[in-house]
Amino acid sequence: MPLKITQVKFPEVLLPPFRLANFLDYHGRMSESGYHRHDAYQVVLVLSGQMAFHRPDAVSLKLDPRDVIVIPPGLPHTWEIRSESICSTFAVLHDPLAPERYGQMADVLGGGAPGDWWKVNLAPETLDALMPALREVCGAAPLGTCGVLYAQLILFLAHVARARTAELAAERPGPVRDPIRRSLDHIEAHYHEPVSLDDLAAAAGLGVSRFSEVFRASFGCSPMRYLNELRLRRAEALLAFSDLDIKRIAGCVGYRSVHYFSRAFRRHAGQAPSAFRRRSAGS
């Protein structure tokens, strides 16, 4: 029996950084037959019914109504619909957000353990305010609609980022929240300079061992990995949205050697900085 999926998709080309925005209704239980991955961030909101995402490492994430999952580029996954009736969703694909343009929201939406997914739950009043207008504008393309949809999508992502920030703050133990916040402030202020683990521990006011322990408990990765991922996400934004040469970009994000930067970027993005820039320019 063929899968029955109905779609409302915006018919025009979206303004960057967005690639796709659509509403999908899945009619009854179904699942994807194989794993796939995207070269952009995927954001999926469940409006009704129940959905689950699965990874090859046997990790799964269940989504109930008002849950939003953010899946980073390159992460293999598959989906499953667990509702007997209709499961309604709203999905967005977007390129990395430039911190210079989108501020803290860019770091929040691109944050978390590197290469991992995460989910949050949006308040009912948030969906009541956002979804009717989004559904209306996705289904039509009058003059000026592209700009209206861009603004609504940014507002949607802002609410996701706010929910994520509140969730992370609630999860962190009170006694370590301020030291970790100080270390994050130090990273934000000095990521373009040489930064060592000792520097971050000192900024937090903790010993190196204890700092590393509480940082990993908060973010699921080591402090230096967090720093390097932040630098490389900033590099992605500069490659996509600036005309700076690659050597200058390497220096702007804290790499003194352009060769080391290129190797680190290739491990991060799966392609050389120059190839990433060409793809961004063509998208």
Protein backbone atom coordinates (compact mmCIF):
# COMPACT_ATOMS: atom_id res chain seq x y z
CA MET A 1 0.00 0.00 0.00
CA PRO A 2 1.57 3.33 -1.01
CA LEU A 3 2.37 5.90 1.63
CA LYS A 4 -0.16 8.71 1.83
CA ILE A 5 1.49 12.06 2.55
CA THR A 6 -0.02 15.45 1.75
CA GLN A 7 2.09 18.58 1.52
CA VAL A 8 1.71 22.35 1.60
CA LYS A 9 4.99 23.79 0.31
CA PHE A 10 6.02 27.36 -0.39
CA PRO A 11 6.15 27.54 -4.23
CA GLU A 12 8.90 30.14 -4.64
CA VAL A 13 12.63 30.15 -3.93
CA LEU A 14 13.21 31.06 -0.28
CA LEU A 15 15.49 33.84 0.89
CA PRO A 16 18.79 32.66 2.44
CA PRO A 17 19.52 30.95 4.75
CA PHE A 18 16.29 29.02 4.19
CA ARG A 19 16.00 26.24 1.64
CA LEU A 20 12.61 24.69 2.36
CA ALA A 21 9.49 25.33 4.42
CA ASN A 22 6.51 23.01 4.27
CA PHE A 23 3.63 21.42 6.13
CA LEU A 24 3.39 17.62 5.85
CA ASP A 25 0.47 15.43 6.89
CA TYR A 26 1.23 11.71 7.25
CA HIS A 27 -1.93 9.57 7.04
CA GLY A 28 -1.52 6.61 9.37
CA ARG A 29 1.44 4.57 10.55
CA MET A 30 4.43 4.49 8.22
CA SER A 31 8.22 4.60 8.26
CA GLU A 32 11.15 5.41 6.02
CA SER A 33 12.92 2.38 4.56
CA GLY A 34 16.52 3.66 4.84
CA TYR A 35 18.71 6.29 6.45
CA HIS A 36 19.35 9.64 4.81
CA ARG A 37 21.13 12.87 5.70
CA HIS A 38 20.91 16.54 4.73
CA ASP A 39 23.64 19.09 4.03
CA ALA A 40 21.62 21.70 5.96
CA TYR A 41 19.96 21.97 9.37
CA GLN A 42 16.57 20.24 9.52
CA VAL A 43 13.97 21.53 11.99
CA VAL A 44 10.77 19.50 12.39
CA LEU A 45 7.79 20.49 14.56
CA VAL A 46 5.05 17.96 15.34
CA LEU A 47 1.65 19.65 15.40
CA SER A 48 -0.47 16.56 16.03
CA GLY A 49 0.09 12.83 16.33
CA GLN A 50 3.37 11.18 17.24
CA MET A 51 6.63 10.81 15.30
CA ALA A 52 10.05 9.30 16.01
CA PHE A 53 13.50 9.69 14.50
CA HIS A 54 16.13 6.94 14.58
CA ARG A 55 19.90 6.91 14.04
CA PRO A 56 22.16 4.03 12.92
CA ASP A 57 23.70 3.89 16.43
CA ALA A 58 20.28 2.76 17.79
CA VAL A 59 19.54 6.17 19.37
CA SER A 60 15.92 7.29 18.92
CA LEU A 61 14.01 10.45 19.73
CA LYS A 62 10.22 10.48 20.13
CA LEU A 63 8.26 13.61 19.26
CA ASP A 64 4.84 14.43 20.69
CA PRO A 65 2.70 17.45 19.74
CA ARG A 66 4.58 20.76 20.13
CA ASP A 67 7.97 18.99 20.16
CA VAL A 68 10.65 20.35 17.81
CA ILE A 69 13.72 18.38 16.73
CA VAL A 70 16.83 20.08 15.30
CA ILE A 71 19.02 17.75 13.23
CA PRO A 72 22.46 19.07 12.20
CA PRO A 73 23.90 18.64 8.71
CA GLY A 74 25.39 15.26 7.91
CA LEU A 75 23.65 13.25 10.67
CA PRO A 76 22.13 10.04 9.22
CA HIS A 77 18.58 9.39 10.39
CA THR A 78 15.24 7.92 9.45
CA TRP A 79 11.71 8.76 10.52
CA GLU A 80 8.68 6.81 11.72
CA ILE A 81 5.05 7.83 12.14
CA ARG A 82 3.47 6.20 15.18
CA SER A 83 -0.03 7.64 14.90
CA GLU A 84 -2.97 5.66 13.57
CA SER A 85 -4.59 8.87 12.42
CA ILE A 86 -2.99 11.92 10.80
CA CYS A 87 0.39 13.15 12.07
CA SER A 88 0.80 16.81 11.09
CA THR A 89 4.23 18.44 10.95
CA PHE A 90 5.98 21.64 9.92
CA ALA A 91 9.54 21.34 8.57
CA VAL A 92 12.29 23.79 7.71
CA LEU A 93 15.70 23.30 6.10
CA HIS A 94 18.22 26.09 6.57
CA ASP A 95 21.93 26.74 6.11
CA PRO A 96 24.08 27.72 9.13
CA LEU A 97 23.01 31.08 10.54
CA ALA A 98 25.64 33.81 10.38
CA PRO A 99 26.42 35.04 13.93
CA GLU A 100 27.16 38.47 12.50
CA ARG A 101 23.57 38.64 11.28
CA TYR A 102 21.58 36.56 13.74
CA GLY A 103 23.57 36.98 16.95
CA GLN A 104 23.15 34.55 19.84
CA MET A 105 20.37 32.70 18.03
CA ALA A 106 22.98 31.39 15.58
CA ASP A 107 25.05 29.85 18.38
CA VAL A 108 22.05 28.36 20.15
CA LEU A 109 20.59 26.70 17.06
CA GLY A 110 24.00 25.46 15.95
CA GLY A 111 24.98 24.41 19.47
CA GLY A 112 24.71 21.24 21.48
CA ALA A 113 27.13 18.38 21.30
CA PRO A 114 28.83 18.55 17.89
CA GLY A 115 27.05 16.38 15.34
CA ASP A 116 24.15 15.58 17.70
CA TRP A 117 20.44 16.31 17.52
CA TRP A 118 18.24 17.84 20.22
CA LYS A 119 14.60 18.64 20.86
CA VAL A 120 12.52 21.20 22.74
CA ASN A 121 8.83 21.71 23.43
CA LEU A 122 7.08 24.93 22.40
CA ALA A 123 4.30 26.52 24.43
CA PRO A 124 0.72 26.23 23.07
CA GLU A 125 0.37 30.01 22.87
CA THR A 126 3.52 30.17 20.73
CA LEU A 127 2.04 27.78 18.17
CA ASP A 128 -1.30 29.58 18.26
CA ALA A 129 0.50 32.81 17.37
CA LEU A 130 2.81 31.39 14.68
CA MET A 131 1.24 28.49 12.82
CA PRO A 132 -1.90 29.95 11.21
CA ALA A 133 0.09 32.69 9.49
CA LEU A 134 2.86 30.31 8.46
CA ARG A 135 0.40 27.85 6.95
CA GLU A 136 -1.37 30.63 5.07
CA VAL A 137 1.80 32.10 3.58
CA CYS A 138 3.24 28.68 2.66
CA GLY A 139 0.17 27.93 0.56
CA ALA A 140 0.21 31.10 -1.55
CA ALA A 141 2.71 33.29 -3.38
CA PRO A 142 1.39 36.82 -3.84
CA LEU A 143 3.77 39.71 -4.31
CA GLY A 144 5.99 40.19 -1.28
CA THR A 145 5.16 36.83 0.30
CA CYS A 146 8.79 35.66 0.16
CA GLY A 147 9.86 38.45 2.51
CA VAL A 148 6.91 37.83 4.81
CA LEU A 149 7.74 34.13 5.04
CA TYR A 150 11.40 34.93 5.79
CA ALA A 151 10.34 37.09 8.74
CA GLN A 152 7.96 34.43 10.03
CA LEU A 153 10.60 31.69 9.76
CA ILE A 154 13.11 33.81 11.68
CA LEU A 155 10.47 34.35 14.36
CA PHE A 156 9.81 30.59 14.50
CA LEU A 157 13.54 29.84 14.90
CA ALA A 158 13.81 32.55 17.56
CA HIS A 159 11.14 30.79 19.63
CA VAL A 160 12.96 27.47 19.19
CA ALA A 161 16.22 29.11 20.32
CA ARG A 162 14.52 30.66 23.36
CA ALA A 163 13.04 27.32 24.38
CA ARG A 164 16.44 25.66 23.99
CA THR A 165 18.16 28.34 26.08
CA ALA A 166 15.58 28.00 28.86
CA GLU A 167 15.90 24.21 28.83
CA LEU A 168 19.69 24.29 29.07
CA ALA A 169 19.56 26.78 31.93
CA ALA A 170 17.10 24.57 33.82
CA GLU A 171 19.23 21.44 33.30
CA ARG A 172 22.48 22.90 34.59
CA PRO A 173 23.05 22.49 38.32
CA GLY A 174 22.86 25.86 40.11
CA PRO A 175 26.34 25.79 41.73
CA VAL A 176 28.12 25.33 38.40
CA ARG A 177 25.93 27.55 36.18
CA ASP A 178 27.82 30.77 36.85
CA PRO A 179 31.32 29.26 36.38
CA ILE A 180 30.24 27.68 33.09
CA ARG A 181 28.62 30.95 32.01
CA ARG A 182 31.90 32.74 32.70
CA SER A 183 33.78 30.23 30.57
CA LEU A 184 31.29 30.69 27.73
CA ASP A 185 31.65 34.45 27.99
CA HIS A 186 35.44 34.00 27.76
CA ILE A 187 35.05 31.84 24.66
CA GLU A 188 32.74 34.39 23.05
CA ALA A 189 35.14 37.25 23.76
CA HIS A 190 38.38 35.47 22.81
CA TYR A 191 37.60 32.66 20.33
CA HIS A 192 39.55 34.58 17.67
CA GLU A 193 42.66 34.47 19.88
CA PRO A 194 44.73 31.55 21.23
CA VAL A 195 42.66 29.98 24.05
CA SER A 196 43.82 27.08 26.21
CA LEU A 197 41.99 24.76 28.58
CA ASP A 198 43.83 26.46 31.43
CA ASP A 199 42.45 29.83 30.26
CA LEU A 200 38.87 28.53 30.30
CA ALA A 201 39.24 26.85 33.69
CA ALA A 202 40.68 30.07 35.10
CA ALA A 203 37.79 32.09 33.67
CA ALA A 204 35.37 29.67 35.38
CA GLY A 205 37.29 29.82 38.65
CA LEU A 206 37.67 26.02 38.75
CA GLY A 207 40.52 23.57 38.51
CA VAL A 208 41.10 22.09 35.06
CA SER A 209 39.83 18.62 36.00
CA ARG A 210 36.67 19.85 37.74
CA PHE A 211 35.98 22.40 35.01
CA SER A 212 36.26 19.76 32.28
CA GLU A 213 33.91 17.49 34.22
CA VAL A 214 31.14 20.03 34.75
CA PHE A 215 31.47 21.45 31.24
CA ARG A 216 31.05 17.99 29.70
CA ALA A 217 28.06 17.34 31.97
CA SER A 218 26.44 20.55 30.69
CA PHE A 219 27.22 20.29 26.97
CA GLY A 220 28.10 16.67 26.26
CA CYS A 221 31.54 17.50 24.88
CA SER A 222 34.91 18.78 26.09
CA PRO A 223 35.53 22.54 26.42
CA MET A 224 38.10 22.53 23.63
CA ARG A 225 35.82 20.65 21.28
CA TYR A 226 33.08 23.17 22.01
CA LEU A 227 35.53 26.00 21.28
CA ASN A 228 36.70 24.44 18.02
CA GLU A 229 33.15 23.74 16.84
CA LEU A 230 32.21 27.35 17.59
CA ARG A 231 35.20 28.60 15.60
CA LEU A 232 34.32 26.40 12.64
CA ARG A 233 30.65 27.45 12.70
CA ARG A 234 31.78 31.07 12.65
CA ALA A 235 34.08 30.19 9.74
CA GLU A 236 31.10 28.70 7.88
CA ALA A 237 29.23 31.98 8.24
CA LEU A 238 32.22 34.03 7.04
CA LEU A 239 32.74 31.73 4.05
CA ALA A 240 29.07 31.97 3.10
CA PHE A 241 28.42 35.65 3.80
CA SER A 242 31.71 37.53 3.37
CA ASP A 243 34.34 38.12 0.69
CA LEU A 244 37.29 37.60 3.06
CA ASP A 245 39.97 35.26 1.74
CA ILE A 246 40.44 31.92 3.50
CA LYS A 247 43.67 32.92 5.24
CA ARG A 248 41.94 35.99 6.71
CA ILE A 249 38.96 33.90 7.82
CA ALA A 250 41.29 31.43 9.53
CA GLY A 251 42.79 34.29 11.53
CA CYS A 252 39.38 35.75 12.35
CA VAL A 253 38.29 32.52 14.04
CA GLY A 254 41.49 31.85 15.96
CA TYR A 255 43.62 29.71 13.65
CA ARG A 256 47.15 30.97 13.17
CA SER A 257 47.85 28.42 10.42
CA VAL A 258 45.64 28.37 7.34
CA HIS A 259 46.76 24.79 6.66
CA TYR A 260 45.65 23.62 10.11
CA PHE A 261 42.40 25.53 9.68
CA SER A 262 41.75 23.86 6.33
CA ARG A 263 42.32 20.40 7.80
CA ALA A 264 40.06 21.14 10.77
CA PHE A 265 37.36 22.58 8.51
CA ARG A 266 37.45 19.54 6.22
CA ARG A 267 36.95 17.25 9.24
CA HIS A 268 34.09 19.45 10.42
CA ALA A 269 32.23 20.06 7.15
CA GLY A 270 33.37 17.14 4.99
CA GLN A 271 34.81 19.47 2.38
CA ALA A 272 37.50 22.10 1.96
CA PRO A 273 36.71 25.73 2.84
CA SER A 274 36.87 26.73 -0.82
CA ALA A 275 34.39 24.00 -1.79
CA PHE A 276 32.05 25.05 1.03
CA ARG A 277 32.16 28.65 -0.22
CA ARG A 278 31.37 27.61 -3.79
CA ARG A 279 28.42 25.50 -2.64
CA SER A 280 27.11 28.32 -0.43
CA ALA A 281 27.34 30.78 -3.31
CA GLY A 282 25.39 28.45 -5.57
CA SER A 283 22.62 27.62 -3.09
